[in-house]
Amino acid sequence: MVTVPVANLSGGTDDAAFPALVCTGCGRADDLIIERLEATKPAVPGLVSVEYSCSACDAFCAHDATVRQVAQLLNKCDSSRGVLYFSHHYVHCGEPMNEVGENVSDLGNPAGTGGSPDVRIPLETRVLKCRCGFQLDVPR
């Protein structure tokens, strides 16, 4: 696994310093499936840890990559905008969101069901936040 000290980052990361997102078995990038995407440990701005497999030859690879490399791979696919979800990780602004707390939300009766408005169902959630400020509560 390749690591780059934070002191060497000058406003971004150099894609050439990291292995390309290509299949280690057949050398192609067209059939890759991202299996897991998470923040590097320790977290380094602009970098993520990525695990991916190849649907053509079943090879598997894992290493650190730049957000730009992963975004280029994801942009080849028809994916919806907003929050992406990979293997229990939520991604916004191209980087995994960080858990910043816990919350309990109350769910009420669905609109139009005629149920009592006093009925509340507690739901434990994790509070996730993106570096841009976007925040999301997701069920535990």
N, C-alpha and C. Protein backbone atom coordinates (compact mmCIF):
# COMPACT_ATOMS: atom_id res chain seq x y z
N MET A 1 0.84 -1.17 0.00
CA MET A 1 0.00 0.00 0.00
C MET A 1 0.89 1.23 0.00
N VAL A 2 0.57 2.20 -0.85
CA VAL A 2 1.36 3.41 -0.98
C VAL A 2 0.79 4.48 -0.06
N THR A 3 1.65 5.17 0.67
CA THR A 3 1.19 6.28 1.51
C THR A 3 1.99 7.52 1.16
N VAL A 4 1.36 8.68 1.34
CA VAL A 4 2.01 9.95 1.07
C VAL A 4 1.87 10.81 2.31
N PRO A 5 2.97 11.29 2.89
CA PRO A 5 2.85 12.15 4.07
C PRO A 5 2.06 13.41 3.74
N VAL A 6 1.27 13.87 4.70
CA VAL A 6 0.45 15.06 4.49
C VAL A 6 1.32 16.25 4.12
N ALA A 7 2.52 16.33 4.66
CA ALA A 7 3.41 17.46 4.37
C ALA A 7 3.76 17.54 2.88
N ASN A 8 3.67 16.42 2.15
CA ASN A 8 3.99 16.43 0.73
C ASN A 8 2.80 16.83 -0.14
N LEU A 9 1.65 17.04 0.46
CA LEU A 9 0.47 17.39 -0.32
C LEU A 9 0.41 18.90 -0.48
N SER A 10 0.42 19.36 -1.70
CA SER A 10 0.36 20.80 -1.96
C SER A 10 -0.96 21.14 -2.62
N GLY A 11 -2.02 21.06 -1.85
CA GLY A 11 -3.33 21.40 -2.38
C GLY A 11 -3.97 20.29 -3.18
N GLY A 12 -3.38 19.14 -3.23
CA GLY A 12 -3.95 18.03 -3.97
C GLY A 12 -2.99 16.87 -3.98
N THR A 13 -3.35 15.82 -4.68
CA THR A 13 -2.50 14.65 -4.75
C THR A 13 -2.17 14.37 -6.20
N ASP A 14 -1.04 13.75 -6.43
CA ASP A 14 -0.57 13.43 -7.76
C ASP A 14 -1.05 12.02 -8.11
N ASP A 15 -1.92 11.91 -9.10
CA ASP A 15 -2.45 10.60 -9.50
C ASP A 15 -1.34 9.63 -9.88
N ALA A 16 -0.25 10.13 -10.45
CA ALA A 16 0.84 9.26 -10.91
C ALA A 16 1.54 8.56 -9.75
N ALA A 17 1.39 9.07 -8.52
CA ALA A 17 2.04 8.47 -7.36
C ALA A 17 1.29 7.24 -6.85
N PHE A 18 0.13 6.94 -7.43
CA PHE A 18 -0.71 5.83 -6.95
C PHE A 18 -1.00 4.86 -8.09
N PRO A 19 -1.13 3.57 -7.76
CA PRO A 19 -1.45 2.59 -8.81
C PRO A 19 -2.74 2.95 -9.54
N ALA A 20 -2.76 2.71 -10.82
CA ALA A 20 -3.97 2.95 -11.62
C ALA A 20 -5.06 1.98 -11.21
N LEU A 21 -6.30 2.39 -11.37
CA LEU A 21 -7.44 1.50 -11.09
C LEU A 21 -7.69 0.65 -12.33
N VAL A 22 -6.93 -0.43 -12.42
CA VAL A 22 -7.08 -1.40 -13.51
C VAL A 22 -7.02 -2.80 -12.91
N CYS A 23 -7.56 -3.75 -13.61
CA CYS A 23 -7.57 -5.13 -13.14
C CYS A 23 -6.15 -5.68 -13.15
N THR A 24 -5.76 -6.31 -12.04
CA THR A 24 -4.42 -6.91 -11.96
C THR A 24 -4.37 -8.23 -12.72
N GLY A 25 -5.53 -8.77 -13.06
CA GLY A 25 -5.57 -10.04 -13.79
C GLY A 25 -5.53 -9.86 -15.29
N CYS A 26 -6.45 -9.04 -15.82
CA CYS A 26 -6.53 -8.88 -17.28
C CYS A 26 -6.07 -7.51 -17.77
N GLY A 27 -5.76 -6.60 -16.83
CA GLY A 27 -5.22 -5.30 -17.22
C GLY A 27 -6.23 -4.31 -17.76
N ARG A 28 -7.51 -4.62 -17.66
CA ARG A 28 -8.55 -3.74 -18.18
C ARG A 28 -9.19 -2.95 -17.04
N ALA A 29 -9.82 -1.84 -17.38
CA ALA A 29 -10.53 -1.03 -16.39
C ALA A 29 -12.03 -1.00 -16.66
N ASP A 30 -12.46 -1.57 -17.78
CA ASP A 30 -13.86 -1.48 -18.19
C ASP A 30 -14.82 -2.32 -17.34
N ASP A 31 -14.31 -3.36 -16.70
CA ASP A 31 -15.20 -4.28 -15.99
C ASP A 31 -15.01 -4.24 -14.48
N LEU A 32 -14.48 -3.12 -13.95
CA LEU A 32 -14.23 -3.03 -12.51
C LEU A 32 -15.50 -2.72 -11.73
N ILE A 33 -15.59 -3.32 -10.56
CA ILE A 33 -16.70 -3.09 -9.64
C ILE A 33 -16.08 -2.67 -8.31
N ILE A 34 -16.42 -1.48 -7.82
CA ILE A 34 -15.90 -1.04 -6.53
C ILE A 34 -16.64 -1.80 -5.44
N GLU A 35 -15.88 -2.52 -4.63
CA GLU A 35 -16.44 -3.34 -3.56
C GLU A 35 -16.47 -2.59 -2.23
N ARG A 36 -15.47 -1.74 -2.01
CA ARG A 36 -15.38 -1.02 -0.74
C ARG A 36 -14.63 0.28 -0.99
N LEU A 37 -15.08 1.33 -0.33
CA LEU A 37 -14.48 2.65 -0.45
C LEU A 37 -14.56 3.31 0.91
N GLU A 38 -13.41 3.71 1.47
CA GLU A 38 -13.43 4.35 2.79
C GLU A 38 -12.25 5.29 2.92
N ALA A 39 -12.28 6.10 3.96
CA ALA A 39 -11.20 7.04 4.23
C ALA A 39 -9.92 6.28 4.55
N THR A 40 -8.80 6.85 4.18
CA THR A 40 -7.52 6.24 4.54
C THR A 40 -7.30 6.41 6.04
N LYS A 41 -6.49 5.54 6.61
CA LYS A 41 -6.17 5.63 8.04
C LYS A 41 -4.67 5.74 8.18
N PRO A 42 -4.15 6.85 8.62
CA PRO A 42 -4.86 8.07 9.01
C PRO A 42 -5.42 8.77 7.77
N ALA A 43 -6.45 9.58 8.00
CA ALA A 43 -7.11 10.28 6.91
C ALA A 43 -6.14 11.27 6.25
N VAL A 44 -6.11 11.24 4.92
CA VAL A 44 -5.29 12.16 4.13
C VAL A 44 -6.22 12.81 3.12
N PRO A 45 -6.31 14.15 3.11
CA PRO A 45 -7.19 14.82 2.15
C PRO A 45 -6.90 14.40 0.72
N GLY A 46 -7.94 14.07 -0.02
CA GLY A 46 -7.79 13.70 -1.42
C GLY A 46 -7.50 12.24 -1.68
N LEU A 47 -7.35 11.43 -0.61
CA LEU A 47 -7.07 10.01 -0.77
C LEU A 47 -8.16 9.15 -0.14
N VAL A 48 -8.40 7.99 -0.73
CA VAL A 48 -9.32 7.00 -0.19
C VAL A 48 -8.70 5.62 -0.34
N SER A 49 -9.12 4.71 0.51
CA SER A 49 -8.75 3.30 0.34
C SER A 49 -9.85 2.66 -0.49
N VAL A 50 -9.46 1.95 -1.53
CA VAL A 50 -10.45 1.36 -2.44
C VAL A 50 -10.14 -0.12 -2.64
N GLU A 51 -11.19 -0.93 -2.67
CA GLU A 51 -11.09 -2.34 -3.00
C GLU A 51 -12.01 -2.56 -4.19
N TYR A 52 -11.52 -3.27 -5.19
CA TYR A 52 -12.35 -3.50 -6.37
C TYR A 52 -12.07 -4.87 -6.97
N SER A 53 -13.06 -5.34 -7.72
CA SER A 53 -12.92 -6.63 -8.40
C SER A 53 -13.22 -6.44 -9.87
N CYS A 54 -12.89 -7.45 -10.65
CA CYS A 54 -13.13 -7.41 -12.09
C CYS A 54 -14.21 -8.44 -12.42
N SER A 55 -15.27 -8.00 -13.06
CA SER A 55 -16.35 -8.92 -13.40
C SER A 55 -15.98 -9.82 -14.57
N ALA A 56 -14.92 -9.48 -15.31
CA ALA A 56 -14.51 -10.30 -16.45
C ALA A 56 -13.66 -11.50 -16.03
N CYS A 57 -12.73 -11.29 -15.05
CA CYS A 57 -11.83 -12.39 -14.70
C CYS A 57 -11.82 -12.71 -13.20
N ASP A 58 -12.64 -12.04 -12.41
CA ASP A 58 -12.77 -12.26 -10.97
C ASP A 58 -11.53 -11.90 -10.15
N ALA A 59 -10.60 -11.12 -10.69
CA ALA A 59 -9.44 -10.67 -9.92
C ALA A 59 -9.90 -9.64 -8.89
N PHE A 60 -9.12 -9.47 -7.83
CA PHE A 60 -9.42 -8.53 -6.75
C PHE A 60 -8.18 -7.71 -6.45
N CYS A 61 -8.35 -6.42 -6.15
CA CYS A 61 -7.23 -5.55 -5.83
C CYS A 61 -7.67 -4.54 -4.77
N ALA A 62 -6.72 -4.12 -3.92
CA ALA A 62 -7.00 -3.12 -2.89
C ALA A 62 -5.76 -2.25 -2.72
N HIS A 63 -5.96 -0.93 -2.68
CA HIS A 63 -4.87 0.01 -2.44
C HIS A 63 -5.45 1.40 -2.24
N ASP A 64 -4.59 2.35 -1.85
CA ASP A 64 -5.02 3.74 -1.76
C ASP A 64 -5.06 4.32 -3.16
N ALA A 65 -5.97 5.26 -3.36
CA ALA A 65 -6.10 5.93 -4.65
C ALA A 65 -6.53 7.36 -4.40
N THR A 66 -6.37 8.19 -5.39
CA THR A 66 -6.84 9.57 -5.25
C THR A 66 -8.35 9.60 -5.49
N VAL A 67 -8.98 10.61 -4.94
CA VAL A 67 -10.42 10.79 -5.16
C VAL A 67 -10.69 10.95 -6.64
N ARG A 68 -9.79 11.63 -7.34
CA ARG A 68 -9.95 11.84 -8.78
C ARG A 68 -9.96 10.51 -9.54
N GLN A 69 -9.07 9.58 -9.18
CA GLN A 69 -9.03 8.27 -9.84
C GLN A 69 -10.35 7.53 -9.66
N VAL A 70 -10.87 7.54 -8.42
CA VAL A 70 -12.12 6.84 -8.15
C VAL A 70 -13.27 7.53 -8.87
N ALA A 71 -13.28 8.87 -8.87
CA ALA A 71 -14.33 9.61 -9.55
C ALA A 71 -14.34 9.31 -11.05
N GLN A 72 -13.16 9.21 -11.64
CA GLN A 72 -13.09 8.90 -13.07
C GLN A 72 -13.70 7.53 -13.35
N LEU A 73 -13.43 6.57 -12.48
CA LEU A 73 -14.01 5.24 -12.65
C LEU A 73 -15.52 5.28 -12.47
N LEU A 74 -15.99 5.99 -11.43
CA LEU A 74 -17.43 6.08 -11.19
C LEU A 74 -18.15 6.84 -12.28
N ASN A 75 -17.50 7.84 -12.87
CA ASN A 75 -18.13 8.63 -13.92
C ASN A 75 -18.32 7.84 -15.21
N LYS A 76 -17.64 6.71 -15.35
CA LYS A 76 -17.85 5.86 -16.52
C LYS A 76 -19.20 5.14 -16.43
N CYS A 77 -19.75 5.05 -15.22
CA CYS A 77 -21.00 4.35 -14.98
C CYS A 77 -22.14 5.35 -14.94
N ASP A 78 -23.35 4.88 -15.17
CA ASP A 78 -24.53 5.71 -15.01
C ASP A 78 -24.93 5.66 -13.54
N SER A 79 -24.49 6.63 -12.76
CA SER A 79 -24.84 6.67 -11.35
C SER A 79 -25.58 7.96 -11.05
N SER A 80 -26.41 7.91 -10.03
CA SER A 80 -27.17 9.09 -9.68
C SER A 80 -26.30 10.05 -8.88
N ARG A 81 -26.65 11.32 -8.92
CA ARG A 81 -25.92 12.33 -8.17
C ARG A 81 -26.35 12.31 -6.72
N GLY A 82 -25.54 12.92 -5.87
CA GLY A 82 -25.89 13.02 -4.46
C GLY A 82 -24.99 12.17 -3.61
N VAL A 83 -25.58 11.36 -2.75
CA VAL A 83 -24.82 10.53 -1.83
C VAL A 83 -24.69 9.13 -2.41
N LEU A 84 -23.46 8.63 -2.48
CA LEU A 84 -23.20 7.27 -2.92
C LEU A 84 -23.01 6.40 -1.69
N TYR A 85 -23.40 5.15 -1.78
CA TYR A 85 -23.27 4.22 -0.66
C TYR A 85 -22.47 3.00 -1.11
N PHE A 86 -21.34 2.76 -0.44
CA PHE A 86 -20.50 1.62 -0.73
C PHE A 86 -20.15 0.91 0.55
N SER A 87 -20.53 -0.33 0.70
CA SER A 87 -20.09 -1.17 1.80
C SER A 87 -20.12 -0.46 3.14
N HIS A 88 -21.28 0.03 3.50
CA HIS A 88 -21.52 0.72 4.79
C HIS A 88 -20.87 2.09 4.87
N HIS A 89 -20.42 2.66 3.78
CA HIS A 89 -19.83 3.99 3.77
C HIS A 89 -20.62 4.88 2.82
N TYR A 90 -20.91 6.09 3.28
CA TYR A 90 -21.61 7.08 2.48
C TYR A 90 -20.60 8.08 1.95
N VAL A 91 -20.71 8.41 0.66
CA VAL A 91 -19.76 9.29 -0.01
C VAL A 91 -20.50 10.52 -0.52
N HIS A 92 -20.00 11.70 -0.17
CA HIS A 92 -20.55 12.97 -0.65
C HIS A 92 -19.37 13.85 -1.02
N CYS A 93 -19.46 14.63 -2.05
CA CYS A 93 -18.35 15.47 -2.52
C CYS A 93 -17.13 14.64 -2.88
N GLY A 94 -17.32 13.38 -3.23
CA GLY A 94 -16.23 12.55 -3.66
C GLY A 94 -15.40 11.93 -2.55
N GLU A 95 -15.79 12.13 -1.28
CA GLU A 95 -15.03 11.56 -0.16
C GLU A 95 -15.98 10.91 0.83
N PRO A 96 -15.52 9.88 1.53
CA PRO A 96 -16.37 9.24 2.54
C PRO A 96 -16.75 10.23 3.64
N MET A 97 -18.02 10.17 4.07
CA MET A 97 -18.50 11.02 5.15
C MET A 97 -18.04 10.45 6.49
N ASN A 98 -17.85 11.32 7.47
CA ASN A 98 -17.39 10.90 8.79
C ASN A 98 -18.55 10.88 9.77
N GLU A 99 -18.54 9.88 10.66
CA GLU A 99 -19.56 9.81 11.71
C GLU A 99 -19.20 10.83 12.77
N VAL A 100 -20.16 11.72 13.09
CA VAL A 100 -19.90 12.78 14.06
C VAL A 100 -20.77 12.66 15.31
N GLY A 101 -21.66 11.68 15.35
CA GLY A 101 -22.49 11.52 16.53
C GLY A 101 -23.62 10.53 16.31
N GLU A 102 -24.49 10.49 17.30
CA GLU A 102 -25.67 9.62 17.27
C GLU A 102 -26.90 10.47 17.52
N ASN A 103 -28.04 9.95 17.14
CA ASN A 103 -29.28 10.68 17.31
C ASN A 103 -30.41 9.67 17.44
N VAL A 104 -31.53 10.11 17.99
CA VAL A 104 -32.75 9.32 18.00
C VAL A 104 -33.81 10.17 17.33
N SER A 105 -34.31 9.68 16.20
CA SER A 105 -35.36 10.38 15.46
C SER A 105 -36.69 9.69 15.73
N ASP A 106 -37.76 10.48 15.73
CA ASP A 106 -39.09 9.92 15.92
C ASP A 106 -39.79 9.82 14.58
N LEU A 107 -40.26 8.62 14.29
CA LEU A 107 -41.05 8.39 13.07
C LEU A 107 -42.51 8.41 13.46
N GLY A 108 -43.31 9.09 12.69
CA GLY A 108 -44.74 9.12 12.95
C GLY A 108 -45.47 8.24 11.96
N ASN A 109 -46.81 8.25 12.03
CA ASN A 109 -47.62 7.50 11.08
C ASN A 109 -47.48 8.12 9.69
N PRO A 110 -47.45 7.30 8.65
CA PRO A 110 -47.39 7.84 7.29
C PRO A 110 -48.59 8.74 7.01
N ALA A 111 -48.37 9.80 6.26
CA ALA A 111 -49.45 10.73 5.92
C ALA A 111 -50.59 10.00 5.23
N GLY A 112 -51.79 10.36 5.60
CA GLY A 112 -52.97 9.79 4.96
C GLY A 112 -53.41 8.44 5.49
N THR A 113 -52.77 7.93 6.56
CA THR A 113 -53.16 6.61 7.07
C THR A 113 -54.25 6.72 8.13
N GLY A 114 -54.50 7.92 8.60
CA GLY A 114 -55.57 8.10 9.59
C GLY A 114 -55.19 7.63 10.98
N GLY A 115 -53.93 7.29 11.20
CA GLY A 115 -53.46 6.84 12.50
C GLY A 115 -53.40 8.00 13.49
N SER A 116 -53.27 7.66 14.75
CA SER A 116 -53.17 8.67 15.80
C SER A 116 -51.90 9.49 15.61
N PRO A 117 -52.00 10.83 15.64
CA PRO A 117 -50.81 11.66 15.48
C PRO A 117 -49.87 11.58 16.69
N ASP A 118 -50.34 10.99 17.80
CA ASP A 118 -49.52 10.89 19.01
C ASP A 118 -48.57 9.70 18.97
N VAL A 119 -48.73 8.80 18.02
CA VAL A 119 -47.88 7.61 17.96
C VAL A 119 -46.53 8.00 17.36
N ARG A 120 -45.47 7.71 18.10
CA ARG A 120 -44.12 7.98 17.62
C ARG A 120 -43.28 6.72 17.77
N ILE A 121 -42.45 6.46 16.78
CA ILE A 121 -41.58 5.29 16.80
C ILE A 121 -40.14 5.79 16.83
N PRO A 122 -39.39 5.51 17.91
CA PRO A 122 -38.00 5.99 17.97
C PRO A 122 -37.10 5.18 17.03
N LEU A 123 -36.18 5.86 16.37
CA LEU A 123 -35.25 5.23 15.45
C LEU A 123 -33.85 5.76 15.76
N GLU A 124 -32.94 4.85 16.17
CA GLU A 124 -31.56 5.25 16.44
C GLU A 124 -30.83 5.45 15.11
N THR A 125 -30.10 6.56 15.02
CA THR A 125 -29.39 6.88 13.78
C THR A 125 -27.93 7.27 14.07
N ARG A 126 -27.11 7.16 13.03
CA ARG A 126 -25.75 7.69 13.05
C ARG A 126 -25.80 9.02 12.32
N VAL A 127 -25.11 10.02 12.82
CA VAL A 127 -25.05 11.32 12.16
C VAL A 127 -23.74 11.37 11.38
N LEU A 128 -23.84 11.54 10.06
CA LEU A 128 -22.68 11.60 9.18
C LEU A 128 -22.55 13.02 8.65
N LYS A 129 -21.31 13.46 8.50
CA LYS A 129 -21.10 14.81 8.00
C LYS A 129 -19.98 14.82 6.97
N CYS A 130 -20.19 15.60 5.92
CA CYS A 130 -19.20 15.78 4.86
C CYS A 130 -18.38 17.02 5.19
N ARG A 131 -17.18 17.11 4.64
CA ARG A 131 -16.36 18.28 4.91
C ARG A 131 -16.97 19.56 4.35
N CYS A 132 -17.92 19.43 3.40
CA CYS A 132 -18.59 20.62 2.84
C CYS A 132 -19.69 21.13 3.76
N GLY A 133 -20.04 20.34 4.80
CA GLY A 133 -21.09 20.73 5.74
C GLY A 133 -22.36 19.93 5.60
N PHE A 134 -22.52 19.21 4.49
CA PHE A 134 -23.71 18.36 4.31
C PHE A 134 -23.77 17.32 5.42
N GLN A 135 -24.97 17.14 6.00
CA GLN A 135 -25.14 16.20 7.11
C GLN A 135 -26.29 15.27 6.80
N LEU A 136 -26.15 14.02 7.27
CA LEU A 136 -27.12 12.98 6.97
C LEU A 136 -27.30 12.08 8.18
N ASP A 137 -28.54 11.79 8.55
CA ASP A 137 -28.82 10.80 9.59
C ASP A 137 -29.19 9.50 8.90
N VAL A 138 -28.50 8.42 9.27
CA VAL A 138 -28.81 7.11 8.68
C VAL A 138 -29.11 6.13 9.81
N PRO A 139 -30.03 5.20 9.59
CA PRO A 139 -30.36 4.24 10.66
C PRO A 139 -29.14 3.43 11.08
N ARG A 140 -29.10 3.11 12.35
CA ARG A 140 -28.01 2.26 12.88
C ARG A 140 -28.18 0.87 12.35
